Amino acid sequence: MERQTDGCWFLQVPLSQGHHLYQFLVDGEPMLDPKAMGAVRNDWNEPASIIAVS
């Protein structure tokens, strides 16, 4: 990740079409994305953020 001049962090990840689950790791703790399209449970029954790519 790269820190931007405004203090925000940025990372661009190419994704294929479909739904993708993810979490942020903040100080070693998994966190959901407050700006995500939604939240679901992953295969380990952990909460995960979700994004749809068309």
N, C-alpha and C. Protein backbone atom coordinates (compact mmCIF):
# COMPACT_ATOMS: atom_id res chain seq x y z
N MET A 1 0.83 -1.17 0.00
CA MET A 1 0.00 0.00 0.00
C MET A 1 0.88 1.24 0.00
N GLU A 2 0.34 2.28 -0.55
CA GLU A 2 1.06 3.56 -0.58
C GLU A 2 0.27 4.61 0.18
N ARG A 3 0.95 5.36 1.01
CA ARG A 3 0.30 6.44 1.75
C ARG A 3 0.20 7.66 0.84
N GLN A 4 -0.99 8.22 0.74
CA GLN A 4 -1.24 9.39 -0.09
C GLN A 4 -0.93 10.67 0.69
N THR A 5 -0.85 11.79 -0.01
CA THR A 5 -0.53 13.06 0.65
C THR A 5 -1.58 13.48 1.66
N ASP A 6 -2.83 13.00 1.48
CA ASP A 6 -3.90 13.34 2.44
C ASP A 6 -3.92 12.41 3.65
N GLY A 7 -2.98 11.45 3.72
CA GLY A 7 -2.89 10.54 4.85
C GLY A 7 -3.62 9.22 4.63
N CYS A 8 -4.41 9.11 3.57
CA CYS A 8 -5.11 7.87 3.26
C CYS A 8 -4.15 6.87 2.62
N TRP A 9 -4.48 5.58 2.76
CA TRP A 9 -3.69 4.53 2.15
C TRP A 9 -4.38 4.07 0.88
N PHE A 10 -3.61 3.67 -0.14
CA PHE A 10 -4.15 3.29 -1.44
C PHE A 10 -3.49 2.02 -1.94
N LEU A 11 -4.32 1.12 -2.47
CA LEU A 11 -3.84 -0.09 -3.12
C LEU A 11 -4.84 -0.44 -4.21
N GLN A 12 -4.36 -0.65 -5.41
CA GLN A 12 -5.22 -1.03 -6.52
C GLN A 12 -4.99 -2.49 -6.84
N VAL A 13 -6.08 -3.28 -6.86
CA VAL A 13 -6.00 -4.71 -7.10
C VAL A 13 -6.89 -5.05 -8.28
N PRO A 14 -6.34 -5.63 -9.36
CA PRO A 14 -7.19 -6.03 -10.48
C PRO A 14 -8.05 -7.23 -10.08
N LEU A 15 -9.36 -7.15 -10.36
CA LEU A 15 -10.28 -8.23 -10.01
C LEU A 15 -11.04 -8.70 -11.24
N SER A 16 -11.31 -9.99 -11.30
CA SER A 16 -12.12 -10.53 -12.37
C SER A 16 -13.60 -10.27 -12.08
N GLN A 17 -14.44 -10.51 -13.06
CA GLN A 17 -15.86 -10.30 -12.89
C GLN A 17 -16.41 -11.26 -11.84
N GLY A 18 -17.34 -10.77 -11.03
CA GLY A 18 -17.97 -11.62 -10.02
C GLY A 18 -17.99 -10.93 -8.66
N HIS A 19 -18.28 -11.71 -7.64
CA HIS A 19 -18.33 -11.21 -6.26
C HIS A 19 -17.03 -11.61 -5.54
N HIS A 20 -16.49 -10.69 -4.78
CA HIS A 20 -15.23 -10.92 -4.06
C HIS A 20 -15.40 -10.53 -2.60
N LEU A 21 -14.90 -11.39 -1.71
CA LEU A 21 -14.93 -11.12 -0.27
C LEU A 21 -13.57 -10.64 0.18
N TYR A 22 -13.56 -9.74 1.16
CA TYR A 22 -12.28 -9.22 1.64
C TYR A 22 -12.43 -8.66 3.04
N GLN A 23 -11.30 -8.47 3.70
CA GLN A 23 -11.21 -7.80 5.00
C GLN A 23 -9.99 -6.90 4.96
N PHE A 24 -10.01 -5.87 5.78
CA PHE A 24 -8.82 -5.06 6.01
C PHE A 24 -8.14 -5.60 7.25
N LEU A 25 -6.82 -5.54 7.29
CA LEU A 25 -6.07 -5.91 8.47
C LEU A 25 -5.49 -4.63 9.05
N VAL A 26 -6.01 -4.22 10.20
CA VAL A 26 -5.61 -2.96 10.84
C VAL A 26 -4.95 -3.29 12.17
N ASP A 27 -3.68 -2.99 12.27
CA ASP A 27 -2.91 -3.29 13.49
C ASP A 27 -3.09 -4.75 13.90
N GLY A 28 -3.09 -5.64 12.91
CA GLY A 28 -3.19 -7.07 13.18
C GLY A 28 -4.60 -7.59 13.40
N GLU A 29 -5.61 -6.73 13.35
CA GLU A 29 -6.99 -7.13 13.58
C GLU A 29 -7.80 -7.02 12.30
N PRO A 30 -8.56 -8.07 11.94
CA PRO A 30 -9.41 -7.98 10.75
C PRO A 30 -10.54 -6.98 10.96
N MET A 31 -10.78 -6.16 9.95
CA MET A 31 -11.83 -5.13 10.02
C MET A 31 -12.65 -5.16 8.74
N LEU A 32 -13.94 -4.91 8.86
CA LEU A 32 -14.79 -4.78 7.69
C LEU A 32 -14.62 -3.39 7.10
N ASP A 33 -14.92 -3.28 5.82
CA ASP A 33 -14.86 -2.01 5.11
C ASP A 33 -16.16 -1.26 5.34
N PRO A 34 -16.13 -0.11 6.01
CA PRO A 34 -17.37 0.63 6.26
C PRO A 34 -18.02 1.15 4.98
N LYS A 35 -17.29 1.17 3.88
CA LYS A 35 -17.83 1.66 2.60
C LYS A 35 -18.12 0.51 1.63
N ALA A 36 -18.12 -0.72 2.13
CA ALA A 36 -18.37 -1.89 1.27
C ALA A 36 -19.82 -1.93 0.80
N MET A 37 -20.07 -2.69 -0.27
CA MET A 37 -21.44 -2.88 -0.78
C MET A 37 -22.29 -3.67 0.22
N GLY A 38 -21.64 -4.45 1.05
CA GLY A 38 -22.34 -5.26 2.04
C GLY A 38 -21.37 -6.11 2.82
N ALA A 39 -21.92 -6.93 3.71
CA ALA A 39 -21.09 -7.83 4.51
C ALA A 39 -21.75 -9.21 4.51
N VAL A 40 -20.94 -10.24 4.47
CA VAL A 40 -21.39 -11.63 4.45
C VAL A 40 -20.47 -12.45 5.35
N ARG A 41 -20.72 -13.73 5.44
CA ARG A 41 -19.83 -14.65 6.15
C ARG A 41 -19.01 -15.43 5.12
N ASN A 42 -17.72 -15.59 5.39
CA ASN A 42 -16.87 -16.36 4.46
C ASN A 42 -16.95 -17.85 4.79
N ASP A 43 -16.12 -18.66 4.14
CA ASP A 43 -16.14 -20.12 4.33
C ASP A 43 -15.80 -20.55 5.75
N TRP A 44 -15.18 -19.70 6.53
CA TRP A 44 -14.82 -19.99 7.92
C TRP A 44 -15.79 -19.33 8.90
N ASN A 45 -16.93 -18.86 8.37
CA ASN A 45 -17.98 -18.21 9.15
C ASN A 45 -17.51 -16.92 9.81
N GLU A 46 -16.52 -16.26 9.21
CA GLU A 46 -16.03 -14.97 9.67
C GLU A 46 -16.72 -13.87 8.87
N PRO A 47 -16.96 -12.70 9.46
CA PRO A 47 -17.53 -11.61 8.68
C PRO A 47 -16.54 -11.10 7.63
N ALA A 48 -17.05 -10.78 6.45
CA ALA A 48 -16.21 -10.29 5.35
C ALA A 48 -16.99 -9.24 4.57
N SER A 49 -16.29 -8.25 4.07
CA SER A 49 -16.87 -7.26 3.18
C SER A 49 -17.01 -7.88 1.80
N ILE A 50 -17.95 -7.37 1.01
CA ILE A 50 -18.17 -7.92 -0.33
C ILE A 50 -18.22 -6.80 -1.37
N ILE A 51 -17.67 -7.11 -2.54
CA ILE A 51 -17.73 -6.18 -3.67
C ILE A 51 -18.12 -6.99 -4.91
N ALA A 52 -18.96 -6.39 -5.76
CA ALA A 52 -19.37 -7.02 -7.02
C ALA A 52 -18.68 -6.27 -8.16
N VAL A 53 -18.04 -7.03 -9.04
CA VAL A 53 -17.37 -6.46 -10.21
C VAL A 53 -18.12 -6.94 -11.44
N SER A 54 -18.55 -5.98 -12.28
CA SER A 54 -19.29 -6.37 -13.50
C SER A 54 -18.45 -6.20 -14.73
